[in-house]
Amino acid sequence: FKSAGPASRATLVTNAIGWAKTYTESAGFKAEYERQRQASRPSPPDVKGSVDDELAKQSAERKKSVEEMKKSLAQFPPDMRKSMEAAIKEAEANNAKLDADPQMVAIFRQGIEAQRASEQEAYKGRLAAYEKRWPADSKVLVARRLQEFLDISKDVDFDAKLVPSGRLMRFAEPRYEEKPPIWKLCYRAGREASTAARGAAQAWLKAM
């Protein structure tokens, strides 16, 4: 492409876009698009059981922790064992109090419900972003990409000057350095190739 003249570049670009149009209309492309779309779909929150089930699980985990403390008693020297036994009794009393106190149970319940609601809202946000990124109809995404290209490439300054910057070349106009990669690619491709690309993209978009 770099060695081709302006007219040949325009032809190469037009042919490449024609191939892309044909490919995106093929069964192979649509199947691969759907495969990637499904692979990218966010998973819903992994909620197992009811809130009551979660409360029971938390209670069981607290009791399990106390039982593990009991099993480890033998590993402590006698002078530390009494303090550990006291800590175990206190933990058992606290567990019994937590399970029997309606107010504490209500607080735990509210915490679980709030966490589940938060996870569900976060999932809805991910799902909305996914639906936008991966529309069910691949043509919608193709049309979006074509329009993005047309929007970015509409004001390429092919007369922009470059100046040396170390081993590289930079735009003499600083604001051009902030332009998107597609804008810079069009600049490097040249006016003829970019004009041909825009014409082919507009015709493709109009035919959709």
C-alpha atoms as a PDB file:
ATOM      1  CA  PHE A   1       0.000   0.000   0.000  1.00  0.00           C
ATOM      2  CA  LYS A   2       2.828   2.384   0.892  1.00  0.00           C
ATOM      3  CA  SER A   3       4.534   1.821  -2.440  1.00  0.00           C
ATOM      4  CA  ALA A   4       1.325   2.323  -4.456  1.00  0.00           C
ATOM      5  CA  GLY A   5       0.429   5.606  -6.105  1.00  0.00           C
ATOM      6  CA  PRO A   6      -2.601   7.699  -5.047  1.00  0.00           C
ATOM      7  CA  ALA A   7      -4.970   6.188  -7.634  1.00  0.00           C
ATOM      8  CA  SER A   8      -3.870   2.637  -6.848  1.00  0.00           C
ATOM      9  CA  ARG A   9      -4.314   3.285  -3.142  1.00  0.00           C
ATOM     10  CA  ALA A  10      -7.892   4.387  -3.736  1.00  0.00           C
ATOM     11  CA  THR A  11      -8.577   1.189  -5.679  1.00  0.00           C
ATOM     12  CA  LEU A  12      -7.018  -0.973  -2.979  1.00  0.00           C
ATOM     13  CA  VAL A  13      -9.138   0.685  -0.303  1.00  0.00           C
ATOM     14  CA  THR A  14     -12.352   0.387  -2.321  1.00  0.00           C
ATOM     15  CA  ASN A  15     -11.714  -3.310  -2.978  1.00  0.00           C
ATOM     16  CA  ALA A  16     -10.875  -3.962   0.682  1.00  0.00           C
ATOM     17  CA  ILE A  17     -14.101  -2.349   1.851  1.00  0.00           C
ATOM     18  CA  GLY A  18     -16.031  -4.303  -0.767  1.00  0.00           C
ATOM     19  CA  TRP A  19     -14.541  -7.513   0.608  1.00  0.00           C
ATOM     20  CA  ALA A  20     -15.419  -6.447   4.166  1.00  0.00           C
ATOM     21  CA  LYS A  21     -19.012  -5.755   3.147  1.00  0.00           C
ATOM     22  CA  THR A  22     -19.336  -9.189   1.554  1.00  0.00           C
ATOM     23  CA  TYR A  23     -17.780 -10.897   4.561  1.00  0.00           C
ATOM     24  CA  THR A  24     -20.026  -9.199   7.126  1.00  0.00           C
ATOM     25  CA  GLU A  25     -23.041 -10.421   5.169  1.00  0.00           C
ATOM     26  CA  SER A  26     -21.846 -14.033   5.158  1.00  0.00           C
ATOM     27  CA  ALA A  27     -23.125 -16.848   7.347  1.00  0.00           C
ATOM     28  CA  GLY A  28     -19.598 -17.402   8.657  1.00  0.00           C
ATOM     29  CA  PHE A  29     -19.295 -13.863   9.960  1.00  0.00           C
ATOM     30  CA  LYS A  30     -22.747 -13.949  11.554  1.00  0.00           C
ATOM     31  CA  ALA A  31     -21.977 -17.253  13.281  1.00  0.00           C
ATOM     32  CA  GLU A  32     -18.644 -15.989  14.612  1.00  0.00           C
ATOM     33  CA  TYR A  33     -20.232 -12.725  15.722  1.00  0.00           C
ATOM     34  CA  GLU A  34     -22.921 -14.603  17.649  1.00  0.00           C
ATOM     35  CA  ARG A  35     -20.290 -16.867  19.230  1.00  0.00           C
ATOM     36  CA  GLN A  36     -18.302 -13.888  20.466  1.00  0.00           C
ATOM     37  CA  ARG A  37     -21.481 -12.096  21.517  1.00  0.00           C
ATOM     38  CA  GLN A  38     -22.572 -14.992  23.716  1.00  0.00           C
ATOM     39  CA  ALA A  39     -19.059 -15.424  25.111  1.00  0.00           C
ATOM     40  CA  SER A  40     -19.026 -11.748  26.130  1.00  0.00           C
ATOM     41  CA  ARG A  41     -22.427 -11.826  27.829  1.00  0.00           C
ATOM     42  CA  PRO A  42     -22.100 -10.880  31.534  1.00  0.00           C
ATOM     43  CA  SER A  43     -23.087 -13.494  34.084  1.00  0.00           C
ATOM     44  CA  PRO A  44     -25.891 -12.723  36.560  1.00  0.00           C
ATOM     45  CA  PRO A  45     -25.122 -12.599  40.294  1.00  0.00           C
ATOM     46  CA  ASP A  46     -24.370 -16.036  41.722  1.00  0.00           C
ATOM     47  CA  VAL A  47     -27.170 -16.120  44.283  1.00  0.00           C
ATOM     48  CA  LYS A  48     -27.704 -19.458  45.951  1.00  0.00           C
ATOM     49  CA  GLY A  49     -30.758 -20.007  48.100  1.00  0.00           C
ATOM     50  CA  SER A  50     -33.020 -17.565  49.891  1.00  0.00           C
ATOM     51  CA  VAL A  51     -32.112 -14.873  52.398  1.00  0.00           C
ATOM     52  CA  ASP A  52     -33.029 -17.312  55.171  1.00  0.00           C
ATOM     53  CA  ASP A  53     -30.629 -19.832  53.651  1.00  0.00           C
ATOM     54  CA  GLU A  54     -27.870 -17.221  53.712  1.00  0.00           C
ATOM     55  CA  LEU A  55     -28.639 -16.364  57.354  1.00  0.00           C
ATOM     56  CA  ALA A  56     -28.407 -20.039  58.268  1.00  0.00           C
ATOM     57  CA  LYS A  57     -25.136 -20.325  56.353  1.00  0.00           C
ATOM     58  CA  GLN A  58     -23.627 -17.355  58.192  1.00  0.00           C
ATOM     59  CA  SER A  59     -24.699 -18.816  61.529  1.00  0.00           C
ATOM     60  CA  ALA A  60     -23.162 -22.178  60.597  1.00  0.00           C
ATOM     61  CA  GLU A  61     -19.904 -20.495  59.607  1.00  0.00           C
ATOM     62  CA  ARG A  62     -19.700 -18.704  62.954  1.00  0.00           C
ATOM     63  CA  LYS A  63     -20.253 -21.980  64.784  1.00  0.00           C
ATOM     64  CA  LYS A  64     -17.699 -23.744  62.596  1.00  0.00           C
ATOM     65  CA  SER A  65     -15.144 -21.084  63.484  1.00  0.00           C
ATOM     66  CA  VAL A  66     -15.717 -21.764  67.190  1.00  0.00           C
ATOM     67  CA  GLU A  67     -15.363 -25.524  66.660  1.00  0.00           C
ATOM     68  CA  GLU A  68     -12.044 -24.976  64.895  1.00  0.00           C
ATOM     69  CA  MET A  69     -10.882 -22.901  67.857  1.00  0.00           C
ATOM     70  CA  LYS A  70     -11.780 -25.801  70.163  1.00  0.00           C
ATOM     71  CA  LYS A  71      -9.772 -28.244  68.038  1.00  0.00           C
ATOM     72  CA  SER A  72      -6.725 -26.017  68.227  1.00  0.00           C
ATOM     73  CA  LEU A  73      -6.786 -25.792  72.061  1.00  0.00           C
ATOM     74  CA  ALA A  74      -4.411 -28.725  72.483  1.00  0.00           C
ATOM     75  CA  GLN A  75      -1.744 -26.887  70.518  1.00  0.00           C
ATOM     76  CA  PHE A  76      -1.543 -24.061  73.054  1.00  0.00           C
ATOM     77  CA  PRO A  77       0.610 -24.208  76.200  1.00  0.00           C
ATOM     78  CA  PRO A  78      -1.288 -24.524  79.506  1.00  0.00           C
ATOM     79  CA  ASP A  79      -0.793 -20.884  80.452  1.00  0.00           C
ATOM     80  CA  MET A  80      -2.539 -19.741  77.251  1.00  0.00           C
ATOM     81  CA  ARG A  81      -5.186 -22.434  77.178  1.00  0.00           C
ATOM     82  CA  LYS A  82      -7.357 -20.820  79.865  1.00  0.00           C
ATOM     83  CA  SER A  83      -7.528 -17.518  78.010  1.00  0.00           C
ATOM     84  CA  MET A  84      -8.408 -19.385  74.803  1.00  0.00           C
ATOM     85  CA  GLU A  85     -11.133 -21.337  76.602  1.00  0.00           C
ATOM     86  CA  ALA A  86     -12.558 -18.048  77.845  1.00  0.00           C
ATOM     87  CA  ALA A  87     -12.481 -16.642  74.325  1.00  0.00           C
ATOM     88  CA  ILE A  88     -14.290 -19.718  73.034  1.00  0.00           C
ATOM     89  CA  LYS A  89     -17.023 -19.431  75.665  1.00  0.00           C
ATOM     90  CA  GLU A  90     -17.446 -15.766  74.828  1.00  0.00           C
ATOM     91  CA  ALA A  91     -17.689 -16.564  71.119  1.00  0.00           C
ATOM     92  CA  GLU A  92     -20.297 -19.262  71.801  1.00  0.00           C
ATOM     93  CA  ALA A  93     -22.314 -16.836  73.903  1.00  0.00           C
ATOM     94  CA  ASN A  94     -22.124 -14.180  71.217  1.00  0.00           C
ATOM     95  CA  ASN A  95     -23.248 -16.650  68.556  1.00  0.00           C
ATOM     96  CA  ALA A  96     -26.213 -17.748  70.664  1.00  0.00           C
ATOM     97  CA  LYS A  97     -27.112 -14.107  71.280  1.00  0.00           C
ATOM     98  CA  LEU A  98     -26.888 -13.215  67.597  1.00  0.00           C
ATOM     99  CA  ASP A  99     -29.105 -16.134  66.599  1.00  0.00           C
ATOM    100  CA  ALA A 100     -31.690 -15.350  69.293  1.00  0.00           C
ATOM    101  CA  ASP A 101     -31.789 -11.548  68.979  1.00  0.00           C
ATOM    102  CA  PRO A 102     -34.519 -10.531  66.469  1.00  0.00           C
ATOM    103  CA  GLN A 103     -32.969  -7.107  66.037  1.00  0.00           C
ATOM    104  CA  MET A 104     -29.575  -8.532  65.087  1.00  0.00           C
ATOM    105  CA  VAL A 105     -31.184 -11.072  62.772  1.00  0.00           C
ATOM    106  CA  ALA A 106     -33.080  -8.212  61.104  1.00  0.00           C
ATOM    107  CA  ILE A 107     -29.825  -6.270  60.644  1.00  0.00           C
ATOM    108  CA  PHE A 108     -28.138  -9.297  59.065  1.00  0.00           C
ATOM    109  CA  ARG A 109     -31.173  -9.803  56.847  1.00  0.00           C
ATOM    110  CA  GLN A 110     -31.108  -6.186  55.685  1.00  0.00           C
ATOM    111  CA  GLY A 111     -27.397  -6.487  54.931  1.00  0.00           C
ATOM    112  CA  ILE A 112     -27.926  -9.573  52.775  1.00  0.00           C
ATOM    113  CA  GLU A 113     -30.880  -8.003  50.961  1.00  0.00           C
ATOM    114  CA  ALA A 114     -28.935  -4.777  50.341  1.00  0.00           C
ATOM    115  CA  GLN A 115     -25.936  -6.680  48.994  1.00  0.00           C
ATOM    116  CA  ARG A 116     -28.104  -8.744  46.660  1.00  0.00           C
ATOM    117  CA  ALA A 117     -29.916  -5.647  45.429  1.00  0.00           C
ATOM    118  CA  SER A 118     -26.595  -3.905  44.800  1.00  0.00           C
ATOM    119  CA  GLU A 119     -25.249  -6.892  42.868  1.00  0.00           C
ATOM    120  CA  GLN A 120     -28.427  -7.029  40.783  1.00  0.00           C
ATOM    121  CA  GLU A 121     -28.195  -3.318  39.917  1.00  0.00           C
ATOM    122  CA  ALA A 122     -24.543  -3.734  38.952  1.00  0.00           C
ATOM    123  CA  TYR A 123     -25.512  -6.676  36.751  1.00  0.00           C
ATOM    124  CA  LYS A 124     -28.218  -4.606  35.040  1.00  0.00           C
ATOM    125  CA  GLY A 125     -25.603  -1.953  34.290  1.00  0.00           C
ATOM    126  CA  ARG A 126     -23.217  -4.520  32.821  1.00  0.00           C
ATOM    127  CA  LEU A 127     -26.035  -6.034  30.790  1.00  0.00           C
ATOM    128  CA  ALA A 128     -27.057  -2.647  29.373  1.00  0.00           C
ATOM    129  CA  ALA A 129     -23.441  -1.921  28.382  1.00  0.00           C
ATOM    130  CA  TYR A 130     -23.214  -5.386  26.825  1.00  0.00           C
ATOM    131  CA  GLU A 131     -26.393  -4.916  24.781  1.00  0.00           C
ATOM    132  CA  LYS A 132     -24.991  -1.634  23.467  1.00  0.00           C
ATOM    133  CA  ARG A 133     -21.590  -3.139  22.697  1.00  0.00           C
ATOM    134  CA  TRP A 134     -23.002  -6.359  21.220  1.00  0.00           C
ATOM    135  CA  PRO A 135     -26.413  -5.709  19.580  1.00  0.00           C
ATOM    136  CA  ALA A 136     -28.352  -8.820  18.566  1.00  0.00           C
ATOM    137  CA  ASP A 137     -28.259  -7.764  14.914  1.00  0.00           C
ATOM    138  CA  SER A 138     -24.635  -7.540  13.734  1.00  0.00           C
ATOM    139  CA  LYS A 139     -25.704  -4.993  11.097  1.00  0.00           C
ATOM    140  CA  VAL A 140     -26.373  -2.499  13.882  1.00  0.00           C
ATOM    141  CA  LEU A 141     -22.757  -2.764  15.029  1.00  0.00           C
ATOM    142  CA  VAL A 142     -21.422  -2.567  11.463  1.00  0.00           C
ATOM    143  CA  ALA A 143     -23.500   0.555  10.817  1.00  0.00           C
ATOM    144  CA  ARG A 144     -22.235   2.103  14.048  1.00  0.00           C
ATOM    145  CA  ARG A 145     -18.625   1.426  13.095  1.00  0.00           C
ATOM    146  CA  LEU A 146     -19.132   2.881   9.625  1.00  0.00           C
ATOM    147  CA  GLN A 147     -20.675   6.033  11.084  1.00  0.00           C
ATOM    148  CA  GLU A 148     -17.855   6.346  13.604  1.00  0.00           C
ATOM    149  CA  PHE A 149     -15.331   6.163  10.764  1.00  0.00           C
ATOM    150  CA  LEU A 150     -17.207   8.813   8.790  1.00  0.00           C
ATOM    151  CA  ASP A 151     -17.446  11.096  11.810  1.00  0.00           C
ATOM    152  CA  ILE A 152     -13.747  10.779  12.635  1.00  0.00           C
ATOM    153  CA  SER A 153     -12.449  11.098   9.074  1.00  0.00           C
ATOM    154  CA  LYS A 154     -14.568  14.056   7.975  1.00  0.00           C
ATOM    155  CA  ASP A 155     -12.030  16.733   8.919  1.00  0.00           C
ATOM    156  CA  VAL A 156      -8.626  15.167   8.213  1.00  0.00           C
ATOM    157  CA  ASP A 157      -6.117  17.887   7.344  1.00  0.00           C
ATOM    158  CA  PHE A 158      -4.071  16.279   4.585  1.00  0.00           C
ATOM    159  CA  ASP A 159      -1.930  19.420   4.343  1.00  0.00           C
ATOM    160  CA  ALA A 160      -0.817  19.182   7.965  1.00  0.00           C
ATOM    161  CA  LYS A 161       2.950  19.509   8.447  1.00  0.00           C
ATOM    162  CA  LEU A 162       5.158  17.056  10.310  1.00  0.00           C
ATOM    163  CA  VAL A 163       8.259  17.957  12.292  1.00  0.00           C
ATOM    164  CA  PRO A 164      11.046  15.725  13.682  1.00  0.00           C
ATOM    165  CA  SER A 165      10.743  14.619  17.302  1.00  0.00           C
ATOM    166  CA  GLY A 166      13.649  12.359  18.179  1.00  0.00           C
ATOM    167  CA  ARG A 167      13.414   9.321  15.923  1.00  0.00           C
ATOM    168  CA  LEU A 168       9.773  10.000  15.147  1.00  0.00           C
ATOM    169  CA  MET A 169       7.789  12.643  13.329  1.00  0.00           C
ATOM    170  CA  ARG A 170       5.078  14.653  15.042  1.00  0.00           C
ATOM    171  CA  PHE A 171       2.441  17.063  13.818  1.00  0.00           C
ATOM    172  CA  ALA A 172       3.574  20.663  13.854  1.00  0.00           C
ATOM    173  CA  GLU A 173       0.040  21.489  15.056  1.00  0.00           C
ATOM    174  CA  PRO A 174      -0.104  20.116  18.648  1.00  0.00           C
ATOM    175  CA  ARG A 175      -3.862  19.528  18.639  1.00  0.00           C
ATOM    176  CA  TYR A 176      -3.485  17.013  15.813  1.00  0.00           C
ATOM    177  CA  GLU A 177      -1.470  14.799  18.138  1.00  0.00           C
ATOM    178  CA  GLU A 178      -4.662  14.326  20.175  1.00  0.00           C
ATOM    179  CA  LYS A 179      -6.641  13.054  17.200  1.00  0.00           C
ATOM    180  CA  PRO A 180      -7.898   9.421  17.216  1.00  0.00           C
ATOM    181  CA  PRO A 181      -5.772   6.706  15.553  1.00  0.00           C
ATOM    182  CA  ILE A 182      -8.242   6.432  12.634  1.00  0.00           C
ATOM    183  CA  TRP A 183      -7.810  10.150  11.867  1.00  0.00           C
ATOM    184  CA  LYS A 184      -4.038   9.725  11.790  1.00  0.00           C
ATOM    185  CA  LEU A 185      -4.337   6.573   9.671  1.00  0.00           C
ATOM    186  CA  CYS A 186      -6.375   8.477   7.099  1.00  0.00           C
ATOM    187  CA  TYR A 187      -3.738  11.216   7.074  1.00  0.00           C
ATOM    188  CA  ARG A 188      -1.011   8.653   6.374  1.00  0.00           C
ATOM    189  CA  ALA A 189      -3.107   6.899   3.715  1.00  0.00           C
ATOM    190  CA  GLY A 190      -3.558  10.142   1.836  1.00  0.00           C
ATOM    191  CA  ARG A 191      -6.396  12.208   0.439  1.00  0.00           C
ATOM    192  CA  GLU A 192      -7.277   9.880  -2.470  1.00  0.00           C
ATOM    193  CA  ALA A 193      -7.412   6.703  -0.383  1.00  0.00           C
ATOM    194  CA  SER A 194      -9.355   8.367   2.429  1.00  0.00           C
ATOM    195  CA  THR A 195     -11.840   9.918   0.022  1.00  0.00           C
ATOM    196  CA  ALA A 196     -12.377   6.516  -1.582  1.00  0.00           C
ATOM    197  CA  ALA A 197     -12.832   4.926   1.841  1.00  0.00           C
ATOM    198  CA  ARG A 198     -15.379   7.524   2.870  1.00  0.00           C
ATOM    199  CA  GLY A 199     -17.300   7.095  -0.380  1.00  0.00           C
ATOM    200  CA  ALA A 200     -17.389   3.305  -0.021  1.00  0.00           C
ATOM    201  CA  ALA A 201     -18.426   3.584   3.645  1.00  0.00           C
ATOM    202  CA  GLN A 202     -21.226   6.031   2.803  1.00  0.00           C
ATOM    203  CA  ALA A 203     -22.510   3.776   0.023  1.00  0.00           C
ATOM    204  CA  TRP A 204     -22.378   0.748   2.330  1.00  0.00           C
ATOM    205  CA  LEU A 205     -24.211   2.589   5.086  1.00  0.00           C
ATOM    206  CA  LYS A 206     -26.861   3.840   2.671  1.00  0.00           C
ATOM    207  CA  ALA A 207     -27.473   0.306   1.376  1.00  0.00           C
ATOM    208  CA  MET A 208     -28.045  -1.147   4.843  1.00  0.00           C
END
